[in-house]
Amino acid sequence: QGIALPCDHGDDKQVEAVFQEVAKRTGGHLDILVNNAFKDPSLGNPEVDRKLTEGAKFYELPLSVWDDMHIVGLRSHYVASYYAAPLLLAAAQKEAVAGSSWRPFLCTTSSF
C-alpha cells in the first residue's frame, strides 16, 4: 500500500517529516523508495525561461540554475535515501526473520 504525502524536496526538514510519518504509519518499515524529484530552474523566472528556450549555454545562465537543478534534482535523492535507509533495513530484517529472501528496493531516477 502506497502512502502519498506532500513534500518540498528542497527542504530537508519536510523530507525528514515525511519519513517520520511513513514510519508511524507502517510500524517503522518501508518496502520501496523511488526517488524522482526535479525543480524547473525557469519556474517563476521569465528571463531564465527565455534563455533556456533559446538554447543558452550554461555559462550564459545565472548560477542559480545549477542550484535549482542540483539541490532538488540531485541532493534530494541523497536526503530521501538517508531517511529511508533505516526503514528499508527494518523491512529487510523483518522479512529475514520470517525466512523470506525478499529485500526492499531503492530506485533513483533523474530528469537530467
C-alpha atoms as a PDB file:
ATOM      1  CA  GLN A   1       0.000   0.000   0.000  1.00  0.00           C
ATOM      2  CA  GLY A   2       1.403   3.374  -1.005  1.00  0.00           C
ATOM      3  CA  ILE A   3       1.472   6.468   1.168  1.00  0.00           C
ATOM      4  CA  ALA A   4       1.185   9.813  -0.614  1.00  0.00           C
ATOM      5  CA  LEU A   5       2.477  12.805   1.328  1.00  0.00           C
ATOM      6  CA  PRO A   6       3.176  16.333   0.071  1.00  0.00           C
ATOM      7  CA  CYS A   7       6.745  17.486   0.459  1.00  0.00           C
ATOM      8  CA  ASP A   8       9.103  20.206  -0.784  1.00  0.00           C
ATOM      9  CA  HIS A   9      12.244  18.196  -1.540  1.00  0.00           C
ATOM     10  CA  GLY A  10      14.284  21.384  -1.304  1.00  0.00           C
ATOM     11  CA  ASP A  11      13.534  21.450   2.436  1.00  0.00           C
ATOM     12  CA  ASP A  12      15.330  18.709   4.393  1.00  0.00           C
ATOM     13  CA  LYS A  13      13.030  19.138   7.401  1.00  0.00           C
ATOM     14  CA  GLN A  14       9.966  18.392   5.246  1.00  0.00           C
ATOM     15  CA  VAL A  15      11.666  15.289   3.847  1.00  0.00           C
ATOM     16  CA  GLU A  16      12.532  14.124   7.358  1.00  0.00           C
ATOM     17  CA  ALA A  17       8.932  14.717   8.473  1.00  0.00           C
ATOM     18  CA  VAL A  18       7.626  12.609   5.581  1.00  0.00           C
ATOM     19  CA  PHE A  19       9.741   9.633   6.640  1.00  0.00           C
ATOM     20  CA  GLN A  20       8.737  10.082  10.267  1.00  0.00           C
ATOM     21  CA  GLU A  21       5.105   9.909   9.140  1.00  0.00           C
ATOM     22  CA  VAL A  22       5.799   6.834   6.998  1.00  0.00           C
ATOM     23  CA  ALA A  23       7.477   5.161   9.981  1.00  0.00           C
ATOM     24  CA  LYS A  24       4.494   5.995  12.160  1.00  0.00           C
ATOM     25  CA  ARG A  25       2.006   4.569   9.651  1.00  0.00           C
ATOM     26  CA  THR A  26       3.978   1.411   8.824  1.00  0.00           C
ATOM     27  CA  GLY A  27       5.402   0.418  12.159  1.00  0.00           C
ATOM     28  CA  GLY A  28       8.859   1.577  11.138  1.00  0.00           C
ATOM     29  CA  HIS A  29       9.497  -0.110   7.830  1.00  0.00           C
ATOM     30  CA  LEU A  30       9.447   0.750   4.150  1.00  0.00           C
ATOM     31  CA  ASP A  31       9.397  -1.695   1.241  1.00  0.00           C
ATOM     32  CA  ILE A  32      10.272   0.595  -1.656  1.00  0.00           C
ATOM     33  CA  LEU A  33      11.585   4.115  -2.230  1.00  0.00           C
ATOM     34  CA  VAL A  34      11.500   5.693  -5.671  1.00  0.00           C
ATOM     35  CA  ASN A  35      13.438   8.962  -5.868  1.00  0.00           C
ATOM     36  CA  ASN A  36      12.417  11.234  -8.720  1.00  0.00           C
ATOM     37  CA  ALA A  37      12.429  14.933  -7.878  1.00  0.00           C
ATOM     38  CA  PHE A  38      13.293  17.889 -10.068  1.00  0.00           C
ATOM     39  CA  LYS A  39      12.933  21.657  -9.879  1.00  0.00           C
ATOM     40  CA  ASP A  40      12.477  23.572 -13.110  1.00  0.00           C
ATOM     41  CA  PRO A  41      15.078  26.373 -12.953  1.00  0.00           C
ATOM     42  CA  SER A  42      12.890  28.599 -15.128  1.00  0.00           C
ATOM     43  CA  LEU A  43       9.926  28.370 -12.768  1.00  0.00           C
ATOM     44  CA  GLY A  44       8.971  31.922 -11.861  1.00  0.00           C
ATOM     45  CA  ASN A  45      11.907  33.359 -13.778  1.00  0.00           C
ATOM     46  CA  PRO A  46      10.910  34.563 -17.249  1.00  0.00           C
ATOM     47  CA  GLU A  47      14.483  35.564 -18.144  1.00  0.00           C
ATOM     48  CA  VAL A  48      15.863  32.097 -17.411  1.00  0.00           C
ATOM     49  CA  ASP A  49      12.900  30.569 -19.250  1.00  0.00           C
ATOM     50  CA  ARG A  50      13.663  32.704 -22.295  1.00  0.00           C
ATOM     51  CA  LYS A  51      17.358  31.841 -22.245  1.00  0.00           C
ATOM     52  CA  LEU A  52      16.715  28.112 -21.874  1.00  0.00           C
ATOM     53  CA  THR A  53      14.126  28.198 -24.660  1.00  0.00           C
ATOM     54  CA  GLU A  54      16.650  29.907 -26.920  1.00  0.00           C
ATOM     55  CA  GLY A  55      19.280  27.254 -26.132  1.00  0.00           C
ATOM     56  CA  ALA A  56      21.571  29.331 -23.936  1.00  0.00           C
ATOM     57  CA  LYS A  57      24.891  27.823 -22.985  1.00  0.00           C
ATOM     58  CA  PHE A  58      25.425  27.027 -19.326  1.00  0.00           C
ATOM     59  CA  TYR A  59      27.768  29.991 -18.868  1.00  0.00           C
ATOM     60  CA  GLU A  60      25.073  32.348 -20.169  1.00  0.00           C
ATOM     61  CA  LEU A  61      22.690  31.346 -17.390  1.00  0.00           C
ATOM     62  CA  PRO A  62      22.727  32.579 -13.792  1.00  0.00           C
ATOM     63  CA  LEU A  63      24.449  30.313 -11.282  1.00  0.00           C
ATOM     64  CA  SER A  64      21.086  29.829  -9.576  1.00  0.00           C
ATOM     65  CA  VAL A  65      20.160  27.415 -12.405  1.00  0.00           C
ATOM     66  CA  TRP A  66      22.779  24.964 -11.101  1.00  0.00           C
ATOM     67  CA  ASP A  67      21.450  25.288  -7.557  1.00  0.00           C
ATOM     68  CA  ASP A  68      17.823  24.809  -8.599  1.00  0.00           C
ATOM     69  CA  MET A  69      18.591  21.693 -10.606  1.00  0.00           C
ATOM     70  CA  HIS A  70      21.027  20.044  -8.222  1.00  0.00           C
ATOM     71  CA  ILE A  71      19.662  20.886  -4.796  1.00  0.00           C
ATOM     72  CA  VAL A  72      16.331  19.324  -5.666  1.00  0.00           C
ATOM     73  CA  GLY A  73      17.268  17.205  -8.675  1.00  0.00           C
ATOM     74  CA  LEU A  74      20.311  15.527  -7.128  1.00  0.00           C
ATOM     75  CA  ARG A  75      20.760  16.310  -3.432  1.00  0.00           C
ATOM     76  CA  SER A  76      17.170  15.446  -2.560  1.00  0.00           C
ATOM     77  CA  HIS A  77      17.750  11.878  -3.782  1.00  0.00           C
ATOM     78  CA  TYR A  78      20.501  11.536  -1.195  1.00  0.00           C
ATOM     79  CA  VAL A  79      18.424  13.138   1.574  1.00  0.00           C
ATOM     80  CA  ALA A  80      15.412  10.911   0.912  1.00  0.00           C
ATOM     81  CA  SER A  81      17.632   7.819   0.777  1.00  0.00           C
ATOM     82  CA  TYR A  82      19.291   8.899   4.038  1.00  0.00           C
ATOM     83  CA  TYR A  83      15.964   9.000   5.868  1.00  0.00           C
ATOM     84  CA  ALA A  84      14.575   5.926   4.094  1.00  0.00           C
ATOM     85  CA  ALA A  85      17.561   3.628   4.725  1.00  0.00           C
ATOM     86  CA  PRO A  86      16.686   2.718   8.346  1.00  0.00           C
ATOM     87  CA  LEU A  87      13.109   1.927   7.306  1.00  0.00           C
ATOM     88  CA  LEU A  88      14.259  -0.151   4.322  1.00  0.00           C
ATOM     89  CA  LEU A  89      16.702  -2.070   6.524  1.00  0.00           C
ATOM     90  CA  ALA A  90      13.961  -2.674   9.106  1.00  0.00           C
ATOM     91  CA  ALA A  91      11.777  -4.153   6.357  1.00  0.00           C
ATOM     92  CA  ALA A  92      14.634  -6.429   5.252  1.00  0.00           C
ATOM     93  CA  GLN A  93      15.247  -7.565   8.823  1.00  0.00           C
ATOM     94  CA  LYS A  94      11.551  -8.308   9.348  1.00  0.00           C
ATOM     95  CA  GLU A  95      11.470 -10.431   6.196  1.00  0.00           C
ATOM     96  CA  ALA A  96      14.715 -12.218   7.093  1.00  0.00           C
ATOM     97  CA  VAL A  97      13.307 -13.202  10.487  1.00  0.00           C
ATOM     98  CA  ALA A  98      10.231 -14.555   8.684  1.00  0.00           C
ATOM     99  CA  GLY A  99      12.517 -16.681   6.481  1.00  0.00           C
ATOM    100  CA  SER A 100      11.920 -14.731   3.285  1.00  0.00           C
ATOM    101  CA  SER A 101      14.634 -13.841   0.795  1.00  0.00           C
ATOM    102  CA  TRP A 102      12.734 -10.673  -0.198  1.00  0.00           C
ATOM    103  CA  ARG A 103      14.644  -7.406   0.032  1.00  0.00           C
ATOM    104  CA  PRO A 104      13.463  -3.785  -0.021  1.00  0.00           C
ATOM    105  CA  PHE A 105      14.026  -1.747  -3.148  1.00  0.00           C
ATOM    106  CA  LEU A 106      15.588   1.686  -3.685  1.00  0.00           C
ATOM    107  CA  CYS A 107      15.243   3.296  -7.119  1.00  0.00           C
ATOM    108  CA  THR A 108      16.852   6.606  -8.006  1.00  0.00           C
ATOM    109  CA  THR A 109      15.981   8.248 -11.314  1.00  0.00           C
ATOM    110  CA  SER A 110      16.986  11.579 -12.727  1.00  0.00           C
ATOM    111  CA  SER A 111      15.391  14.116 -15.008  1.00  0.00           C
ATOM    112  CA  PHE A 112      18.759  15.309 -16.317  1.00  0.00           C
END
